[in-house]
Amino acid sequence: MTSWSWTRRIEGPRTQRDAAAQLLTHCVGPAFDPAVASALATRTSADIILGLADYHGVAGLAYERLRDVDAAAPFIADLHVRYDRAVQGHMRIMWELAHLKPVLDATGARWAVIKGPVAVEVLYGSPGQRAYQDLDLLVEPTAFRHVLAALQAAGSELLDRNWSLLRRDLLGEVHLRLPGGTPLDLHWNLINMNRGRMWIDTPELLGRSTSTDLGGVTVGTLDPADFVTHLAVHAALSGGDRLMWLKDVERAAIVLDPSWDVVVERARRWGVAAGVGLILGRTRDVLGAPIPSDVPARLLTARSARLVRLTERVSPWEQSVGRLTAASHIVSRAISHGPIRAVLWFVRRALSRLDPREPAASSVFTLSGDEGDREAYLEAVVRSGRGRHRIGH
């Protein structure tokens, strides 16, 4: 759960939007040239730079690169505000995590921290560079009910109310608000919905997780190959059009130096090879990440690679900015589902948008269902961990 809008309309002439996108890409790339950055900044506007920086999640990185180029530029102060906000947000969430750890440990369940704070502490080392809004935890399915009850007993508020939807689609997470106000996404599966042929075994992930110090709090985190594979599949299933996602993968490739043979094997076994290949290839092409050139080719079939190239020609991913109708966004989200499931997914999404009741019906925060639906959902989650069998929706 996040507080920003995934779809953002960036106003302004196309040439100015392109210049701003090039500026931000240059800021997060490996070879920064102040003269190039200054020239690009003069070709666009402060509002467009800030709008794209917010969407792409790279305001902090842009601030660190641009503050010494032209400190008087009208957008530098605004980038600084975002940088400071990211630092404050990370400190708040680390405080929440320190208080949350004993509650979780007391349950005896295996659990791990994923995404936000791990990315900041392990990949970046500077909280201002990488903003995030919430805390994501992965817990073993058999303990999910017990962990949820423990969190609520400790003062966390369960926000989800649509038990009909949760039960029907067997969603992979629920949302809570921690006592300090931080949003918490409690996962029992890394993929929340529309898993279909995708399968990620949570007990297996937690079984090979590693202990990591996050700001003085020792927690479990995904092992390097799982970490990189998850970053890539999450980016693909979310549309693949944010620089922050690519930067996370680039930093993971550098800092974690995973075995790429293991990444390929896991992506294939999880049923997410195409999406992972798309993001790894894009990260290598855009940011020069140290990813062997054969890795994306081993994950993307020739047909999928042709589809991606064609889509990029007519709908560059940089211009998507979260628009669900952009071809590049659609392909990124659907490619791991396979051609038939991808078409069905797109048709279902298109039809649902014709129903004015659909946004409320598909929200986990809409009141629907009863205690029987809640119990059925929680029991199905527990069974999925006991049986270790595929449950796809």
Protein backbone atom coordinates (compact mmCIF):
# COMPACT_ATOMS: atom_id res chain seq x y z
CA MET A 1 0.00 0.00 0.00
CA THR A 2 1.37 3.39 -0.89
CA SER A 3 0.25 6.95 -0.47
CA TRP A 4 1.23 8.12 -3.95
CA SER A 5 -0.82 7.77 -7.11
CA TRP A 6 0.47 5.09 -9.45
CA THR A 7 -0.97 6.94 -12.43
CA ARG A 8 0.23 10.51 -12.81
CA ARG A 9 -0.54 13.00 -15.55
CA ILE A 10 2.55 15.04 -16.36
CA GLU A 11 1.50 18.27 -18.04
CA GLY A 12 3.67 20.12 -20.56
CA PRO A 13 5.02 19.91 -24.11
CA ARG A 14 6.36 16.54 -25.21
CA THR A 15 9.85 17.98 -25.84
CA GLN A 16 10.04 19.28 -22.27
CA ARG A 17 8.82 15.99 -20.82
CA ASP A 18 11.43 14.12 -22.85
CA ALA A 19 14.18 16.45 -21.66
CA ALA A 20 13.14 16.01 -18.03
CA ALA A 21 13.08 12.22 -18.42
CA GLN A 22 16.56 12.32 -19.97
CA LEU A 23 17.78 14.51 -17.11
CA LEU A 24 16.52 12.12 -14.44
CA THR A 25 17.90 9.09 -16.26
CA HIS A 26 21.26 10.85 -16.49
CA CYS A 27 21.13 11.60 -12.75
CA VAL A 28 20.68 7.94 -11.80
CA GLY A 29 23.07 6.59 -14.44
CA PRO A 30 26.68 5.53 -13.87
CA ALA A 31 28.46 8.44 -15.60
CA PHE A 32 27.16 11.81 -14.47
CA ASP A 33 28.27 14.88 -16.42
CA PRO A 34 27.28 18.25 -14.85
CA ALA A 35 27.42 19.99 -18.24
CA VAL A 36 24.97 17.49 -19.76
CA ALA A 37 22.65 17.82 -16.76
CA SER A 38 22.72 21.61 -16.90
CA ALA A 39 21.92 21.63 -20.62
CA LEU A 40 18.98 19.25 -20.17
CA ALA A 41 17.61 21.29 -17.25
CA THR A 42 17.41 24.39 -19.45
CA ARG A 43 15.22 22.53 -21.96
CA THR A 44 12.40 21.77 -19.53
CA SER A 45 10.55 23.26 -16.56
CA ALA A 46 10.75 22.88 -12.79
CA ASP A 47 7.19 21.53 -12.57
CA ILE A 48 7.85 18.79 -15.12
CA ILE A 49 11.14 17.80 -13.46
CA LEU A 50 9.46 17.57 -10.07
CA GLY A 51 6.44 15.71 -11.41
CA LEU A 52 8.58 13.09 -13.12
CA ALA A 53 10.97 12.86 -10.16
CA ASP A 54 8.01 12.09 -7.90
CA TYR A 55 6.60 9.48 -10.26
CA HIS A 56 9.93 7.76 -10.85
CA GLY A 57 10.86 7.90 -7.15
CA VAL A 58 14.30 9.39 -7.81
CA ALA A 59 13.99 12.88 -6.30
CA GLY A 60 16.65 12.09 -3.69
CA LEU A 61 19.14 10.75 -6.20
CA ALA A 62 18.51 13.73 -8.48
CA TYR A 63 19.05 16.13 -5.58
CA GLU A 64 22.43 14.62 -4.68
CA ARG A 65 23.59 14.92 -8.29
CA LEU A 66 22.13 18.34 -9.10
CA ARG A 67 22.63 20.34 -5.90
CA ASP A 68 26.20 21.24 -6.85
CA VAL A 69 25.39 21.84 -10.52
CA ASP A 70 23.06 24.78 -10.06
CA ALA A 71 21.98 25.32 -6.47
CA ALA A 72 19.94 28.34 -7.54
CA ALA A 73 17.73 26.35 -9.93
CA PRO A 74 14.07 26.69 -8.86
CA PHE A 75 13.57 22.95 -8.40
CA ILE A 76 16.61 22.21 -6.19
CA ALA A 77 14.90 23.41 -3.01
CA ASP A 78 11.88 21.22 -3.77
CA LEU A 79 14.12 18.21 -4.39
CA HIS A 80 15.81 18.95 -1.07
CA VAL A 81 12.43 18.85 0.68
CA ARG A 82 11.78 15.43 -0.82
CA TYR A 83 15.26 14.26 0.17
CA ASP A 84 14.72 15.30 3.80
CA ARG A 85 11.27 13.72 3.80
CA ALA A 86 12.78 10.40 2.67
CA VAL A 87 15.32 10.54 5.51
CA GLN A 88 12.63 11.27 8.08
CA GLY A 89 10.36 8.55 6.71
CA HIS A 90 13.10 5.95 6.87
CA MET A 91 13.99 6.88 10.46
CA ARG A 92 10.33 6.60 11.47
CA ILE A 93 9.93 3.19 9.86
CA MET A 94 13.17 1.90 11.42
CA TRP A 95 11.80 3.00 14.80
CA GLU A 96 8.58 1.11 14.07
CA LEU A 97 10.56 -1.98 13.01
CA ALA A 98 12.56 -1.96 16.26
CA HIS A 99 9.30 -2.04 18.25
CA LEU A 100 7.72 -4.58 15.91
CA LYS A 101 10.52 -7.15 16.06
CA PRO A 102 9.82 -8.48 19.58
CA VAL A 103 6.13 -8.84 18.75
CA LEU A 104 6.93 -10.90 15.66
CA ASP A 105 9.69 -12.94 17.32
CA ALA A 106 7.32 -13.86 20.16
CA THR A 107 5.03 -15.62 17.67
CA GLY A 108 7.78 -18.10 16.78
CA ALA A 109 7.00 -17.59 13.08
CA ARG A 110 9.64 -17.16 10.42
CA TRP A 111 9.49 -13.71 8.85
CA ALA A 112 11.56 -11.38 6.69
CA VAL A 113 11.62 -7.72 5.72
CA ILE A 114 11.35 -7.06 1.99
CA LYS A 115 11.67 -4.02 -0.28
CA GLY A 116 11.84 -0.50 1.25
CA PRO A 117 14.09 -0.49 4.34
CA VAL A 118 16.22 -3.34 2.97
CA ALA A 119 16.81 -1.42 -0.26
CA VAL A 120 17.82 1.71 1.65
CA GLU A 121 20.14 0.03 4.16
CA VAL A 122 21.67 -2.66 1.94
CA LEU A 123 21.64 -1.20 -1.57
CA TYR A 124 21.94 2.56 -1.05
CA GLY A 125 23.24 3.25 2.44
CA SER A 126 21.79 6.76 2.30
CA PRO A 127 18.10 7.10 3.32
CA GLY A 128 17.64 10.31 1.38
CA GLN A 129 18.37 8.63 -1.93
CA ARG A 130 15.52 6.14 -1.92
CA ALA A 131 12.07 7.11 -0.66
CA TYR A 132 9.45 4.54 0.31
CA GLN A 133 6.13 4.81 2.06
CA ASP A 134 5.44 1.59 3.95
CA LEU A 135 6.90 -1.49 5.59
CA ASP A 136 6.58 -4.86 3.85
CA LEU A 137 6.94 -8.12 5.76
CA LEU A 138 6.81 -11.70 4.49
CA VAL A 139 5.63 -14.36 6.96
CA GLU A 140 5.15 -18.08 6.56
CA PRO A 141 1.56 -18.92 5.54
CA THR A 142 0.98 -21.43 8.34
CA ALA A 143 1.60 -18.69 10.90
CA PHE A 144 -0.22 -15.91 9.05
CA ARG A 145 -3.36 -16.02 11.21
CA HIS A 146 -1.30 -16.10 14.41
CA VAL A 147 0.97 -13.23 13.34
CA LEU A 148 -2.01 -11.10 12.28
CA ALA A 149 -3.66 -11.64 15.66
CA ALA A 150 -0.43 -10.76 17.49
CA LEU A 151 -0.04 -7.54 15.53
CA GLN A 152 -3.61 -6.50 16.29
CA ALA A 153 -3.18 -7.35 19.97
CA ALA A 154 -0.08 -5.12 20.02
CA GLY A 155 -2.04 -2.14 18.73
CA SER A 156 -1.89 -2.41 14.93
CA GLU A 157 -5.10 -1.67 13.05
CA LEU A 158 -6.27 -4.02 10.30
CA LEU A 159 -7.41 -1.86 7.38
CA ASP A 160 -8.73 -4.51 4.97
CA ARG A 161 -12.50 -5.07 5.12
CA ASN A 162 -13.36 -6.71 1.80
CA TRP A 163 -13.24 -10.33 2.91
CA SER A 164 -15.31 -11.41 -0.09
CA LEU A 165 -12.54 -10.18 -2.40
CA LEU A 166 -9.71 -11.51 -0.24
CA ARG A 167 -11.34 -14.95 -0.14
CA ARG A 168 -12.29 -15.04 -3.83
CA ASP A 169 -8.86 -14.03 -5.15
CA LEU A 170 -6.81 -15.41 -2.24
CA LEU A 171 -4.84 -12.17 -2.10
CA GLY A 172 -1.24 -12.47 -0.97
CA GLU A 173 -1.24 -9.68 1.62
CA VAL A 174 -3.32 -7.67 4.04
CA HIS A 175 -2.82 -4.05 5.09
CA LEU A 176 -2.41 -2.71 8.61
CA ARG A 177 -1.51 0.56 10.28
CA LEU A 178 1.17 0.20 12.95
CA PRO A 179 0.80 1.98 16.31
CA GLY A 180 3.14 4.75 15.12
CA GLY A 181 1.07 5.34 12.00
CA THR A 182 3.25 3.49 9.48
CA PRO A 183 1.39 1.45 6.83
CA LEU A 184 2.30 -2.25 6.98
CA ASP A 185 1.80 -4.72 4.14
CA LEU A 186 1.75 -8.20 5.68
CA HIS A 187 2.53 -10.74 2.93
CA TRP A 188 2.22 -14.48 2.93
CA ASN A 189 3.10 -14.55 -0.80
CA LEU A 190 5.36 -12.19 -2.75
CA ILE A 191 2.75 -11.89 -5.52
CA ASN A 192 -0.48 -10.39 -4.31
CA MET A 193 -2.95 -11.31 -7.06
CA ASN A 194 -3.39 -12.94 -10.48
CA ARG A 195 -0.69 -15.50 -9.69
CA GLY A 196 -1.92 -17.92 -12.33
CA ARG A 197 1.02 -20.09 -13.36
CA MET A 198 3.43 -18.07 -11.19
CA TRP A 199 4.50 -19.87 -8.05
CA ILE A 200 6.84 -18.63 -5.33
CA ASP A 201 7.21 -20.92 -2.34
CA THR A 202 7.25 -18.73 0.78
CA PRO A 203 8.56 -21.41 3.21
CA GLU A 204 11.41 -22.03 0.76
CA LEU A 205 12.24 -18.32 0.61
CA LEU A 206 12.23 -17.95 4.38
CA GLY A 207 14.24 -21.13 4.78
CA ARG A 208 17.19 -19.63 2.92
CA SER A 209 16.77 -16.04 4.15
CA THR A 210 19.77 -14.34 5.72
CA SER A 211 20.13 -12.25 8.89
CA THR A 212 20.79 -8.60 8.12
CA ASP A 213 21.40 -5.58 10.31
CA LEU A 214 19.02 -2.78 9.36
CA GLY A 215 19.96 0.29 11.36
CA GLY A 216 20.75 -1.76 14.46
CA VAL A 217 17.78 -4.14 14.09
CA THR A 218 18.69 -7.68 13.04
CA VAL A 219 16.02 -9.16 10.77
CA GLY A 220 15.67 -11.78 8.08
CA THR A 221 15.99 -10.67 4.45
CA LEU A 222 15.83 -12.52 1.15
CA ASP A 223 19.03 -14.13 -0.10
CA PRO A 224 20.80 -12.32 -3.00
CA ALA A 225 19.28 -14.31 -5.88
CA ASP A 226 15.78 -14.18 -4.39
CA PHE A 227 16.19 -10.46 -3.68
CA VAL A 228 17.16 -9.60 -7.27
CA THR A 229 14.51 -11.87 -8.78
CA HIS A 230 11.82 -10.35 -6.58
CA LEU A 231 12.88 -6.79 -7.42
CA ALA A 232 12.64 -7.59 -11.11
CA VAL A 233 9.31 -9.42 -11.05
CA HIS A 234 7.76 -6.76 -8.80
CA ALA A 235 8.88 -4.08 -11.26
CA ALA A 236 7.49 -6.01 -14.24
CA LEU A 237 4.12 -6.75 -12.65
CA SER A 238 3.82 -3.08 -11.64
CA GLY A 239 4.36 -1.77 -15.17
CA GLY A 240 8.16 -1.56 -15.41
CA ASP A 241 8.13 2.19 -16.02
CA ARG A 242 9.74 3.74 -12.94
CA LEU A 243 13.45 4.57 -12.78
CA MET A 244 13.53 3.69 -9.09
CA TRP A 245 12.74 0.05 -9.87
CA LEU A 246 15.56 -0.11 -12.42
CA LYS A 247 17.95 1.61 -10.02
CA ASP A 248 17.09 -0.92 -7.29
CA VAL A 249 17.98 -3.77 -9.65
CA GLU A 250 21.19 -2.05 -10.75
CA ARG A 251 22.26 -1.47 -7.14
CA ALA A 252 21.41 -5.08 -6.23
CA ALA A 253 23.50 -6.34 -9.15
CA ILE A 254 26.45 -4.29 -7.91
CA VAL A 255 26.14 -4.69 -4.15
CA LEU A 256 24.83 -8.26 -3.88
CA ASP A 257 26.60 -9.71 -6.94
CA PRO A 258 24.17 -12.64 -7.17
CA SER A 259 24.78 -15.83 -9.08
CA TRP A 260 23.06 -15.09 -12.38
CA ASP A 261 22.65 -18.80 -13.10
CA VAL A 262 20.68 -19.08 -9.86
CA VAL A 263 18.61 -16.00 -10.75
CA VAL A 264 17.73 -17.56 -14.12
CA GLU A 265 16.84 -20.88 -12.51
CA ARG A 266 14.61 -19.29 -9.88
CA ALA A 267 12.87 -16.97 -12.31
CA ARG A 268 12.04 -19.97 -14.49
CA ARG A 269 10.90 -22.09 -11.56
CA TRP A 270 8.73 -19.26 -10.20
CA GLY A 271 7.07 -18.91 -13.60
CA VAL A 272 8.17 -15.27 -13.98
CA ALA A 273 11.05 -15.65 -16.43
CA ALA A 274 9.74 -13.27 -19.10
CA GLY A 275 9.03 -10.41 -16.71
CA VAL A 276 12.37 -10.79 -14.96
CA GLY A 277 14.18 -10.94 -18.31
CA LEU A 278 12.43 -7.78 -19.48
CA ILE A 279 13.47 -5.78 -16.38
CA LEU A 280 17.03 -7.14 -16.25
CA GLY A 281 17.50 -6.28 -19.93
CA ARG A 282 16.01 -2.81 -19.46
CA THR A 283 18.21 -2.15 -16.42
CA ARG A 284 21.30 -3.23 -18.33
CA ASP A 285 20.43 -1.08 -21.36
CA VAL A 286 19.35 2.05 -19.47
CA LEU A 287 21.70 2.12 -16.47
CA GLY A 288 24.60 -0.03 -17.64
CA ALA A 289 24.06 -2.53 -14.82
CA PRO A 290 26.65 -5.34 -14.60
CA ILE A 291 24.19 -7.99 -15.77
CA PRO A 292 25.63 -10.50 -18.28
CA SER A 293 24.14 -9.92 -21.72
CA ASP A 294 23.03 -13.53 -22.05
CA VAL A 295 20.87 -13.44 -18.89
CA PRO A 296 17.87 -11.53 -20.32
CA ALA A 297 18.11 -13.65 -23.47
CA ARG A 298 17.91 -16.84 -21.40
CA LEU A 299 14.72 -15.59 -19.74
CA LEU A 300 12.88 -13.94 -22.64
CA THR A 301 11.78 -16.21 -25.46
CA ALA A 302 12.44 -14.96 -29.00
CA ARG A 303 8.72 -14.26 -29.42
CA SER A 304 8.51 -12.29 -26.17
CA ALA A 305 11.65 -10.34 -27.05
CA ARG A 306 10.15 -9.36 -30.42
CA LEU A 307 6.95 -8.27 -28.69
CA VAL A 308 8.92 -6.08 -26.28
CA ARG A 309 10.95 -4.48 -29.09
CA LEU A 310 7.83 -3.75 -31.12
CA THR A 311 6.06 -2.29 -28.11
CA GLU A 312 9.02 -0.09 -27.25
CA ARG A 313 8.99 1.39 -30.75
CA VAL A 314 5.34 2.44 -30.60
CA SER A 315 5.08 3.05 -26.84
CA PRO A 316 8.39 3.83 -25.09
CA TRP A 317 8.29 2.81 -21.45
CA GLU A 318 9.58 6.24 -20.37
CA GLN A 319 6.35 7.83 -21.60
CA SER A 320 4.00 5.48 -19.77
CA VAL A 321 4.11 7.12 -16.31
CA GLY A 322 1.69 4.55 -14.98
CA ARG A 323 -1.00 4.84 -17.65
CA LEU A 324 -2.78 1.48 -17.73
CA THR A 325 -3.61 2.04 -21.40
CA ALA A 326 0.06 2.42 -22.46
CA ALA A 327 1.17 -0.59 -24.51
CA SER A 328 4.54 -0.82 -22.76
CA HIS A 329 2.82 -0.83 -19.37
CA ILE A 330 0.40 -3.55 -20.45
CA VAL A 331 3.13 -5.77 -21.90
CA SER A 332 5.30 -5.43 -18.80
CA ARG A 333 2.47 -6.38 -16.46
CA ALA A 334 1.15 -9.23 -18.59
CA ILE A 335 4.22 -10.83 -20.14
CA SER A 336 4.86 -13.29 -17.29
CA HIS A 337 1.31 -14.61 -17.56
CA GLY A 338 1.82 -16.06 -21.05
CA PRO A 339 -0.08 -14.96 -24.18
CA ILE A 340 -3.47 -16.50 -23.37
CA ARG A 341 -3.61 -15.41 -19.75
CA ALA A 342 -2.26 -11.99 -20.73
CA VAL A 343 -5.11 -11.46 -23.22
CA LEU A 344 -7.69 -12.64 -20.69
CA TRP A 345 -6.19 -10.32 -18.06
CA PHE A 346 -6.32 -7.33 -20.39
CA VAL A 347 -9.90 -8.05 -21.50
CA ARG A 348 -11.04 -8.49 -17.90
CA ARG A 349 -9.39 -5.21 -16.86
CA ALA A 350 -10.89 -3.37 -19.83
CA LEU A 351 -14.39 -4.68 -19.15
CA SER A 352 -14.16 -3.94 -15.44
CA ARG A 353 -13.40 -0.29 -16.17
CA LEU A 354 -16.79 -0.01 -17.88
CA ASP A 355 -18.55 -0.78 -14.59
CA PRO A 356 -18.72 2.29 -12.31
CA ARG A 357 -19.06 -0.01 -9.30
CA GLU A 358 -15.81 -1.82 -10.01
CA PRO A 359 -13.31 0.50 -8.25
CA ALA A 360 -15.14 0.09 -4.96
CA ALA A 361 -15.78 -3.62 -5.45
CA SER A 362 -12.11 -4.32 -6.20
CA SER A 363 -10.80 -2.34 -3.22
CA VAL A 364 -9.75 -4.29 -0.14
CA PHE A 365 -10.93 -1.33 1.95
CA THR A 366 -14.58 -1.65 0.88
CA LEU A 367 -16.74 -3.39 3.47
CA SER A 368 -17.89 -6.71 2.00
CA GLY A 369 -18.28 -10.24 3.30
CA ASP A 370 -18.66 -11.54 6.81
CA GLU A 371 -16.76 -13.42 9.48
CA GLY A 372 -17.22 -16.63 7.51
CA ASP A 373 -15.40 -15.13 4.53
CA ARG A 374 -12.61 -13.90 6.81
CA GLU A 375 -12.15 -17.33 8.36
CA ALA A 376 -12.27 -19.04 4.97
CA TYR A 377 -9.57 -16.72 3.66
CA LEU A 378 -7.26 -17.22 6.63
CA GLU A 379 -7.75 -20.99 6.55
CA ALA A 380 -6.95 -21.10 2.81
CA VAL A 381 -3.71 -19.20 3.49
CA VAL A 382 -2.74 -21.63 6.24
CA ARG A 383 -3.55 -24.63 4.00
CA SER A 384 -1.37 -23.23 1.24
CA GLY A 385 1.61 -23.37 3.59
CA ARG A 386 0.83 -26.84 4.87
CA GLY A 387 0.23 -28.44 1.51
CA ARG A 388 3.00 -26.56 -0.35
CA HIS A 389 0.88 -26.95 -3.46
CA ARG A 390 0.12 -24.44 -6.16
CA ILE A 391 -2.78 -22.12 -5.50
CA GLY A 392 -3.16 -19.68 -8.36
CA HIS A 393 -5.71 -16.95 -8.94
